[in-house]
Protein backbone atom coordinates (compact mmCIF):
# COMPACT_ATOMS: atom_id res chain seq x y z
CA UNK A 1 19.39 -47.67 -29.99
CA UNK A 2 17.72 -50.73 -31.42
CA UNK A 3 14.56 -50.54 -33.49
CA UNK A 4 11.83 -53.03 -32.72
CA UNK A 5 9.84 -53.20 -35.97
CA UNK A 6 7.15 -55.44 -34.49
CA UNK A 7 6.51 -52.91 -31.71
CA UNK A 8 6.35 -50.07 -34.24
CA UNK A 9 4.01 -52.07 -36.47
CA UNK A 10 1.73 -52.98 -33.54
CA UNK A 11 1.53 -49.35 -32.40
CA UNK A 12 0.75 -48.13 -35.92
CA UNK A 13 -1.89 -50.82 -36.33
CA UNK A 14 -3.47 -49.71 -33.04
CA UNK A 15 -3.50 -46.11 -34.28
CA UNK A 16 -5.16 -47.09 -37.57
CA UNK A 17 -7.68 -49.36 -35.83
CA UNK A 18 -8.52 -46.64 -33.33
CA UNK A 19 -9.01 -44.08 -36.11
CA UNK A 20 -11.31 -46.47 -37.97
CA UNK A 21 -13.39 -47.06 -34.82
CA UNK A 22 -13.70 -43.32 -34.30
CA UNK A 23 -14.88 -42.80 -37.89
CA UNK A 24 -17.36 -45.68 -37.55
CA UNK A 25 -18.86 -44.18 -34.40
CA UNK A 26 -17.68 -47.12 -32.30
CA UNK A 27 -15.32 -45.04 -30.16
CA UNK A 28 -15.45 -41.54 -28.73
CA UNK A 29 -13.09 -39.07 -30.40
CA UNK A 30 -11.87 -38.00 -26.97
CA UNK A 31 -11.12 -41.53 -25.83
CA UNK A 32 -9.70 -42.49 -29.23
CA UNK A 33 -7.42 -39.46 -29.25
CA UNK A 34 -6.05 -40.48 -25.87
CA UNK A 35 -5.30 -43.95 -27.22
CA UNK A 36 -3.56 -42.54 -30.28
CA UNK A 37 -1.49 -40.06 -28.24
CA UNK A 38 -0.41 -42.84 -25.88
CA UNK A 39 0.66 -44.94 -28.90
CA UNK A 40 2.75 -42.25 -30.63
CA UNK A 41 6.08 -42.93 -28.88
CA UNK A 42 5.98 -46.66 -29.73
CA UNK A 43 4.82 -45.90 -33.29
CA UNK A 44 7.83 -43.62 -33.76
CA UNK A 45 5.97 -41.10 -35.89
CA UNK A 46 6.67 -37.44 -36.40
CA UNK A 47 4.21 -35.00 -34.90
CA UNK A 48 2.67 -34.16 -38.24
CA UNK A 49 -0.54 -32.16 -38.47
CA UNK A 50 -2.67 -35.30 -38.29
CA UNK A 51 -1.15 -36.38 -35.01
CA UNK A 52 -1.11 -32.86 -33.61
CA UNK A 53 -4.91 -32.87 -33.93
CA UNK A 54 -5.12 -35.82 -31.54
CA UNK A 55 -2.65 -34.20 -29.16
CA UNK A 56 -4.82 -31.08 -29.20
CA UNK A 57 -7.99 -33.02 -28.53
CA UNK A 58 -6.34 -34.85 -25.65
CA UNK A 59 -5.02 -31.61 -24.18
CA UNK A 60 -8.29 -29.70 -24.47
CA UNK A 61 -10.41 -32.51 -22.99
CA UNK A 62 -8.15 -33.95 -20.32
CA UNK A 63 -10.53 -32.82 -17.57
CA UNK A 64 -13.14 -35.37 -18.65
CA UNK A 65 -12.96 -38.86 -17.19
CA UNK A 66 -13.10 -41.53 -19.88
CA UNK A 67 -13.06 -45.32 -19.91
CA UNK A 68 -12.44 -47.00 -16.57
CA UNK A 69 -11.66 -43.65 -14.91
CA UNK A 70 -15.40 -42.92 -15.03
CA UNK A 71 -15.95 -45.78 -12.57
CA UNK A 72 -14.14 -43.74 -9.91
CA UNK A 73 -16.49 -40.76 -10.25
CA UNK A 74 -19.83 -40.29 -8.53
CA UNK A 75 -22.82 -40.47 -10.84
CA UNK A 76 -24.06 -36.97 -9.98
CA UNK A 77 -20.64 -35.51 -10.85
CA UNK A 78 -20.69 -37.30 -14.21
CA UNK A 79 -24.24 -36.15 -14.87
CA UNK A 80 -23.34 -32.53 -14.08
CA UNK A 81 -20.63 -32.49 -16.73
CA UNK A 82 -22.45 -34.51 -19.40
CA UNK A 83 -23.65 -31.50 -21.39
CA UNK A 84 -20.13 -30.05 -21.46
CA UNK A 85 -18.72 -33.46 -22.40
CA UNK A 86 -21.20 -33.82 -25.27
CA UNK A 87 -20.19 -30.40 -26.59
CA UNK A 88 -16.49 -31.29 -26.29
CA UNK A 89 -17.09 -34.59 -28.08
CA UNK A 90 -18.78 -32.74 -30.96
CA UNK A 91 -15.81 -30.42 -31.24
CA UNK A 92 -13.38 -33.35 -31.02
CA UNK A 93 -15.22 -35.12 -33.84
CA UNK A 94 -15.15 -32.09 -36.12
CA UNK A 95 -11.45 -31.58 -35.43
CA UNK A 96 -10.45 -35.24 -35.35
CA UNK A 97 -12.40 -36.69 -38.26
CA UNK A 98 -10.16 -35.23 -41.01
CA UNK A 99 -7.09 -36.31 -39.04
CA UNK A 100 -8.42 -39.87 -38.79
CA UNK A 101 -8.91 -40.02 -42.54
CA UNK A 102 -5.39 -38.69 -43.22
CA UNK A 103 -3.76 -41.06 -40.74
CA UNK A 104 -5.50 -44.10 -42.20
CA UNK A 105 -4.56 -43.07 -45.76
CA UNK A 106 -0.92 -42.57 -44.79
CA UNK A 107 -0.70 -45.85 -42.90
CA UNK A 108 -2.22 -47.76 -45.83
CA UNK A 109 -0.01 -46.13 -48.49
CA UNK A 110 3.30 -45.89 -46.60
CA UNK A 111 3.12 -47.80 -43.32
CA UNK A 112 6.77 -47.22 -42.44
CA UNK A 113 7.24 -43.67 -43.72
CA UNK A 114 6.49 -41.18 -40.95
C-alpha cells in the first residue's frame, strides 16, 4: 500500500480548518462533525477520543438534514424539527468543543503523529 502524504496532509488540514470554524461559530458542530468524520479515512488517524467525539455527534444527529440536503426537504418539515435541531446543536457544541481544541493542538504540535 502506498502512502500519499499530500492527501493525508490535505485531509488533516481540512479537519483542523473545520474545527477552527466550529470554534469560531462559523460552522455548525453537527455539520462540522460530519465533515471531520468523512475526512478521517484520508487523514489516516487513529480513532482517539477527540475523533470519537465527532463520530458520536455524527451518529446521534444523523436524522437531521444539513447543508445541501436541506434543500430537498419541505419547509414545514424543517420548521417542525427546528427546536429539536437547536437542542441537538447545543449538545453537539458542548461535546465537540473540547474535541476541537484537542484536535487543533495535536495537529499543530505533531501534524504527522496520529
